[in-house]
Amino acid sequence: MSEAERGSEEFVELSGKLEALLDNYSQFQESATETLMEHPDFDEADARRMLDRSLETGPRRRDGSN
């Protein structure tokens, strides 16, 4: 196997790991926002603004989606 083939396989493997990390981050972020929204002293409008802002500035996948 050539060095280029090994590098390509490593790239594909790391890309898959990055995608999984981004998915986990998004799930955590959504869960945290939902938890905050359940707190009696937390304003729902504030939670929605926080979520919108985090989606705008959060990590992005290579295809540009969250």
PDB file of N, CA and C in Angstrom:
ATOM      1  N   MET A   1       0.858  -1.186   0.000  1.00  0.00           N
ATOM      2  CA  MET A   1       0.000   0.000   0.000  1.00  0.00           C
ATOM      3  C   MET A   1       0.898   1.242   0.000  1.00  0.00           C
ATOM      4  N   SER A   2       0.588   2.153  -0.859  1.00  0.00           N
ATOM      5  CA  SER A   2       1.413   3.357  -0.976  1.00  0.00           C
ATOM      6  C   SER A   2       1.135   4.322   0.173  1.00  0.00           C
ATOM      7  N   GLU A   3       2.063   5.228   0.322  1.00  0.00           N
ATOM      8  CA  GLU A   3       1.916   6.245   1.366  1.00  0.00           C
ATOM      9  C   GLU A   3       0.674   7.105   1.118  1.00  0.00           C
ATOM     10  N   ALA A   4       0.381   7.395  -0.144  1.00  0.00           N
ATOM     11  CA  ALA A   4      -0.807   8.190  -0.490  1.00  0.00           C
ATOM     12  C   ALA A   4      -2.084   7.449  -0.106  1.00  0.00           C
ATOM     13  N   GLU A   5      -2.125   6.152  -0.339  1.00  0.00           N
ATOM     14  CA  GLU A   5      -3.302   5.354   0.022  1.00  0.00           C
ATOM     15  C   GLU A   5      -3.489   5.312   1.534  1.00  0.00           C
ATOM     16  N   ARG A   6      -2.388   5.154   2.262  1.00  0.00           N
ATOM     17  CA  ARG A   6      -2.470   5.150   3.736  1.00  0.00           C
ATOM     18  C   ARG A   6      -2.957   6.504   4.245  1.00  0.00           C
ATOM     19  N   GLY A   7      -2.437   7.569   3.642  1.00  0.00           N
ATOM     20  CA  GLY A   7      -2.860   8.912   4.035  1.00  0.00           C
ATOM     21  C   GLY A   7      -4.329   9.141   3.737  1.00  0.00           C
ATOM     22  N   SER A   8      -4.787   8.631   2.611  1.00  0.00           N
ATOM     23  CA  SER A   8      -6.189   8.780   2.232  1.00  0.00           C
ATOM     24  C   SER A   8      -7.091   8.024   3.204  1.00  0.00           C
ATOM     25  N   GLU A   9      -6.692   6.806   3.566  1.00  0.00           N
ATOM     26  CA  GLU A   9      -7.479   6.030   4.529  1.00  0.00           C
ATOM     27  C   GLU A   9      -7.513   6.719   5.893  1.00  0.00           C
ATOM     28  N   GLU A  10      -6.377   7.272   6.311  1.00  0.00           N
ATOM     29  CA  GLU A  10      -6.321   7.979   7.588  1.00  0.00           C
ATOM     30  C   GLU A  10      -7.224   9.213   7.554  1.00  0.00           C
ATOM     31  N   PHE A  11      -7.204   9.929   6.434  1.00  0.00           N
ATOM     32  CA  PHE A  11      -8.055  11.103   6.285  1.00  0.00           C
ATOM     33  C   PHE A  11      -9.530  10.724   6.406  1.00  0.00           C
ATOM     34  N   VAL A  12      -9.934   9.660   5.741  1.00  0.00           N
ATOM     35  CA  VAL A  12     -11.329   9.208   5.792  1.00  0.00           C
ATOM     36  C   VAL A  12     -11.694   8.830   7.226  1.00  0.00           C
ATOM     37  N   GLU A  13     -10.794   8.129   7.915  1.00  0.00           N
ATOM     38  CA  GLU A  13     -11.057   7.731   9.299  1.00  0.00           C
ATOM     39  C   GLU A  13     -11.194   8.951  10.212  1.00  0.00           C
ATOM     40  N   LEU A  14     -10.280   9.902  10.084  1.00  0.00           N
ATOM     41  CA  LEU A  14     -10.344  11.110  10.915  1.00  0.00           C
ATOM     42  C   LEU A  14     -11.565  11.959  10.578  1.00  0.00           C
ATOM     43  N   SER A  15     -11.939  12.005   9.308  1.00  0.00           N
ATOM     44  CA  SER A  15     -13.134  12.755   8.917  1.00  0.00           C
ATOM     45  C   SER A  15     -14.381  12.159   9.570  1.00  0.00           C
ATOM     46  N   GLY A  16     -14.456  10.837   9.625  1.00  0.00           N
ATOM     47  CA  GLY A  16     -15.580  10.172  10.281  1.00  0.00           C
ATOM     48  C   GLY A  16     -15.623  10.477  11.766  1.00  0.00           C
ATOM     49  N   LYS A  17     -14.445  10.493  12.394  1.00  0.00           N
ATOM     50  CA  LYS A  17     -14.385  10.813  13.825  1.00  0.00           C
ATOM     51  C   LYS A  17     -14.813  12.261  14.078  1.00  0.00           C
ATOM     52  N   LEU A  18     -14.377  13.160  13.214  1.00  0.00           N
ATOM     53  CA  LEU A  18     -14.764  14.568  13.355  1.00  0.00           C
ATOM     54  C   LEU A  18     -16.269  14.730  13.195  1.00  0.00           C
ATOM     55  N   GLU A  19     -16.838  14.052  12.238  1.00  0.00           N
ATOM     56  CA  GLU A  19     -18.289  14.114  12.012  1.00  0.00           C
ATOM     57  C   GLU A  19     -19.038  13.631  13.256  1.00  0.00           C
ATOM     58  N   ALA A  20     -18.564  12.539  13.859  1.00  0.00           N
ATOM     59  CA  ALA A  20     -19.193  12.012  15.071  1.00  0.00           C
ATOM     60  C   ALA A  20     -19.071  13.014  16.223  1.00  0.00           C
ATOM     61  N   LEU A  21     -17.918  13.661  16.352  1.00  0.00           N
ATOM     62  CA  LEU A  21     -17.742  14.665  17.406  1.00  0.00           C
ATOM     63  C   LEU A  21     -18.689  15.843  17.205  1.00  0.00           C
ATOM     64  N   LEU A  22     -18.839  16.292  15.966  1.00  0.00           N
ATOM     65  CA  LEU A  22     -19.754  17.400  15.683  1.00  0.00           C
ATOM     66  C   LEU A  22     -21.199  17.013  15.994  1.00  0.00           C
ATOM     67  N   ASP A  23     -21.573  15.794  15.663  1.00  0.00           N
ATOM     68  CA  ASP A  23     -22.922  15.330  15.983  1.00  0.00           C
ATOM     69  C   ASP A  23     -23.135  15.297  17.495  1.00  0.00           C
ATOM     70  N   ASN A  24     -22.149  14.781  18.224  1.00  0.00           N
ATOM     71  CA  ASN A  24     -22.252  14.735  19.686  1.00  0.00           C
ATOM     72  C   ASN A  24     -22.349  16.136  20.268  1.00  0.00           C
ATOM     73  N   TYR A  25     -21.550  17.064  19.742  1.00  0.00           N
ATOM     74  CA  TYR A  25     -21.587  18.444  20.208  1.00  0.00           C
ATOM     75  C   TYR A  25     -22.973  19.049  19.994  1.00  0.00           C
ATOM     76  N   SER A  26     -23.525  18.841  18.819  1.00  0.00           N
ATOM     77  CA  SER A  26     -24.850  19.383  18.523  1.00  0.00           C
ATOM     78  C   SER A  26     -25.916  18.800  19.437  1.00  0.00           C
ATOM     79  N   GLN A  27     -25.852  17.499  19.664  1.00  0.00           N
ATOM     80  CA  GLN A  27     -26.816  16.853  20.563  1.00  0.00           C
ATOM     81  C   GLN A  27     -26.676  17.386  21.981  1.00  0.00           C
ATOM     82  N   PHE A  28     -25.438  17.551  22.444  1.00  0.00           N
ATOM     83  CA  PHE A  28     -25.208  18.095  23.780  1.00  0.00           C
ATOM     84  C   PHE A  28     -25.746  19.513  23.888  1.00  0.00           C
ATOM     85  N   GLN A  29     -25.472  20.317  22.878  1.00  0.00           N
ATOM     86  CA  GLN A  29     -25.914  21.709  22.884  1.00  0.00           C
ATOM     87  C   GLN A  29     -27.441  21.798  22.924  1.00  0.00           C
ATOM     88  N   GLU A  30     -28.113  20.982  22.137  1.00  0.00           N
ATOM     89  CA  GLU A  30     -29.576  20.979  22.137  1.00  0.00           C
ATOM     90  C   GLU A  30     -30.120  20.521  23.489  1.00  0.00           C
ATOM     91  N   SER A  31     -29.513  19.488  24.050  1.00  0.00           N
ATOM     92  CA  SER A  31     -29.951  18.979  25.346  1.00  0.00           C
ATOM     93  C   SER A  31     -29.748  20.020  26.445  1.00  0.00           C
ATOM     94  N   ALA A  32     -28.601  20.692  26.413  1.00  0.00           N
ATOM     95  CA  ALA A  32     -28.325  21.716  27.426  1.00  0.00           C
ATOM     96  C   ALA A  32     -29.326  22.861  27.330  1.00  0.00           C
ATOM     97  N   THR A  33     -29.659  23.265  26.107  1.00  0.00           N
ATOM     98  CA  THR A  33     -30.626  24.341  25.923  1.00  0.00           C
ATOM     99  C   THR A  33     -32.005  23.924  26.415  1.00  0.00           C
ATOM    100  N   GLU A  34     -32.399  22.697  26.112  1.00  0.00           N
ATOM    101  CA  GLU A  34     -33.692  22.198  26.581  1.00  0.00           C
ATOM    102  C   GLU A  34     -33.740  22.158  28.105  1.00  0.00           C
ATOM    103  N   THR A  35     -32.644  21.743  28.726  1.00  0.00           N
ATOM    104  CA  THR A  35     -32.575  21.704  30.191  1.00  0.00           C
ATOM    105  C   THR A  35     -32.714  23.104  30.767  1.00  0.00           C
ATOM    106  N   LEU A  36     -32.027  24.067  30.165  1.00  0.00           N
ATOM    107  CA  LEU A  36     -32.140  25.450  30.631  1.00  0.00           C
ATOM    108  C   LEU A  36     -33.567  25.966  30.492  1.00  0.00           C
ATOM    109  N   MET A  37     -34.213  25.581  29.403  1.00  0.00           N
ATOM    110  CA  MET A  37     -35.574  26.049  29.155  1.00  0.00           C
ATOM    111  C   MET A  37     -36.553  25.509  30.202  1.00  0.00           C
ATOM    112  N   GLU A  38     -36.240  24.374  30.794  1.00  0.00           N
ATOM    113  CA  GLU A  38     -37.113  23.781  31.810  1.00  0.00           C
ATOM    114  C   GLU A  38     -36.991  24.475  33.164  1.00  0.00           C
ATOM    115  N   HIS A  39     -35.921  25.228  33.375  1.00  0.00           N
ATOM    116  CA  HIS A  39     -35.723  25.901  34.657  1.00  0.00           C
ATOM    117  C   HIS A  39     -36.737  27.026  34.793  1.00  0.00           C
ATOM    118  N   PRO A  40     -37.401  27.135  35.961  1.00  0.00           N
ATOM    119  CA  PRO A  40     -38.469  28.131  36.119  1.00  0.00           C
ATOM    120  C   PRO A  40     -38.002  29.581  35.981  1.00  0.00           C
ATOM    121  N   ASP A  41     -36.743  29.870  36.250  1.00  0.00           N
ATOM    122  CA  ASP A  41     -36.253  31.246  36.175  1.00  0.00           C
ATOM    123  C   ASP A  41     -35.637  31.598  34.824  1.00  0.00           C
ATOM    124  N   PHE A  42     -35.681  30.666  33.894  1.00  0.00           N
ATOM    125  CA  PHE A  42     -35.044  30.909  32.606  1.00  0.00           C
ATOM    126  C   PHE A  42     -36.097  31.305  31.586  1.00  0.00           C
ATOM    127  N   ASP A  43     -35.860  32.391  30.908  1.00  0.00           N
ATOM    128  CA  ASP A  43     -36.790  32.927  29.917  1.00  0.00           C
ATOM    129  C   ASP A  43     -36.667  32.141  28.605  1.00  0.00           C
ATOM    130  N   GLU A  44     -37.778  31.643  28.088  1.00  0.00           N
ATOM    131  CA  GLU A  44     -37.767  30.849  26.862  1.00  0.00           C
ATOM    132  C   GLU A  44     -37.231  31.637  25.674  1.00  0.00           C
ATOM    133  N   ALA A  45     -37.556  32.895  25.597  1.00  0.00           N
ATOM    134  CA  ALA A  45     -37.056  33.722  24.498  1.00  0.00           C
ATOM    135  C   ALA A  45     -35.530  33.820  24.557  1.00  0.00           C
ATOM    136  N   ASP A  46     -34.978  33.935  25.773  1.00  0.00           N
ATOM    137  CA  ASP A  46     -33.517  33.957  25.921  1.00  0.00           C
ATOM    138  C   ASP A  46     -32.895  32.645  25.462  1.00  0.00           C
ATOM    139  N   ALA A  47     -33.533  31.539  25.814  1.00  0.00           N
ATOM    140  CA  ALA A  47     -33.014  30.226  25.424  1.00  0.00           C
ATOM    141  C   ALA A  47     -33.020  30.085  23.907  1.00  0.00           C
ATOM    142  N   ARG A  48     -34.061  30.526  23.275  1.00  0.00           N
ATOM    143  CA  ARG A  48     -34.132  30.431  21.819  1.00  0.00           C
ATOM    144  C   ARG A  48     -33.066  31.308  21.156  1.00  0.00           C
ATOM    145  N   ARG A  49     -32.853  32.501  21.711  1.00  0.00           N
ATOM    146  CA  ARG A  49     -31.800  33.373  21.177  1.00  0.00           C
ATOM    147  C   ARG A  49     -30.428  32.723  21.350  1.00  0.00           C
ATOM    148  N   MET A  50     -30.203  32.104  22.497  1.00  0.00           N
ATOM    149  CA  MET A  50     -28.928  31.422  22.733  1.00  0.00           C
ATOM    150  C   MET A  50     -28.728  30.294  21.728  1.00  0.00           C
ATOM    151  N   LEU A  51     -29.766  29.507  21.495  1.00  0.00           N
ATOM    152  CA  LEU A  51     -29.668  28.395  20.556  1.00  0.00           C
ATOM    153  C   LEU A  51     -29.423  28.913  19.147  1.00  0.00           C
ATOM    154  N   ASP A  52     -30.150  29.927  18.741  1.00  0.00           N
ATOM    155  CA  ASP A  52     -29.955  30.505  17.411  1.00  0.00           C
ATOM    156  C   ASP A  52     -28.532  31.026  17.248  1.00  0.00           C
ATOM    157  N   ARG A  53     -28.038  31.722  18.256  1.00  0.00           N
ATOM    158  CA  ARG A  53     -26.686  32.277  18.195  1.00  0.00           C
ATOM    159  C   ARG A  53     -25.648  31.156  18.127  1.00  0.00           C
ATOM    160  N   SER A  54     -25.855  30.094  18.907  1.00  0.00           N
ATOM    161  CA  SER A  54     -24.888  28.998  18.899  1.00  0.00           C
ATOM    162  C   SER A  54     -24.900  28.265  17.566  1.00  0.00           C
ATOM    163  N   LEU A  55     -26.064  28.170  16.933  1.00  0.00           N
ATOM    164  CA  LEU A  55     -26.124  27.527  15.629  1.00  0.00           C
ATOM    165  C   LEU A  55     -25.421  28.362  14.563  1.00  0.00           C
ATOM    166  N   GLU A  56     -25.440  29.680  14.747  1.00  0.00           N
ATOM    167  CA  GLU A  56     -24.769  30.559  13.796  1.00  0.00           C
ATOM    168  C   GLU A  56     -23.257  30.519  13.956  1.00  0.00           C
ATOM    169  N   THR A  57     -22.787  30.353  15.184  1.00  0.00           N
ATOM    170  CA  THR A  57     -21.347  30.458  15.452  1.00  0.00           C
ATOM    171  C   THR A  57     -20.703  29.141  15.832  1.00  0.00           C
ATOM    172  N   GLY A  58     -21.500  28.099  16.017  1.00  0.00           N
ATOM    173  CA  GLY A  58     -20.969  26.810  16.459  1.00  0.00           C
ATOM    174  C   GLY A  58     -20.128  26.131  15.398  1.00  0.00           C
ATOM    175  N   PRO A  59     -19.599  24.975  15.751  1.00  0.00           N
ATOM    176  CA  PRO A  59     -18.767  24.254  14.783  1.00  0.00           C
ATOM    177  C   PRO A  59     -19.582  23.869  13.558  1.00  0.00           C
ATOM    178  N   ARG A  60     -18.937  23.848  12.445  1.00  0.00           N
ATOM    179  CA  ARG A  60     -19.614  23.513  11.185  1.00  0.00           C
ATOM    180  C   ARG A  60     -18.957  22.311  10.552  1.00  0.00           C
ATOM    181  N   ARG A  61     -19.762  21.518   9.905  1.00  0.00           N
ATOM    182  CA  ARG A  61     -19.224  20.403   9.124  1.00  0.00           C
ATOM    183  C   ARG A  61     -18.628  20.949   7.841  1.00  0.00           C
ATOM    184  N   ARG A  62     -17.895  20.118   7.158  1.00  0.00           N
ATOM    185  CA  ARG A  62     -17.267  20.551   5.913  1.00  0.00           C
ATOM    186  C   ARG A  62     -18.281  20.994   4.879  1.00  0.00           C
ATOM    187  N   ASP A  63     -19.488  20.427   4.927  1.00  0.00           N
ATOM    188  CA  ASP A  63     -20.506  20.797   3.937  1.00  0.00           C
ATOM    189  C   ASP A  63     -21.224  22.080   4.316  1.00  0.00           C
ATOM    190  N   GLY A  64     -20.822  22.705   5.450  1.00  0.00           N
ATOM    191  CA  GLY A  64     -21.406  23.975   5.860  1.00  0.00           C
ATOM    192  C   GLY A  64     -22.620  23.851   6.755  1.00  0.00           C
ATOM    193  N   SER A  65     -23.101  22.635   6.990  1.00  0.00           N
ATOM    194  CA  SER A  65     -24.261  22.457   7.852  1.00  0.00           C
ATOM    195  C   SER A  65     -23.813  22.277   9.290  1.00  0.00           C
ATOM    196  N   ASN A  66     -24.775  22.359  10.204  1.00  0.00           N
ATOM    197  CA  ASN A  66     -24.470  22.127  11.622  1.00  0.00           C
ATOM    198  C   ASN A  66     -24.731  20.712  11.987  1.00  0.00           C
TER     199      ASN A  66
END
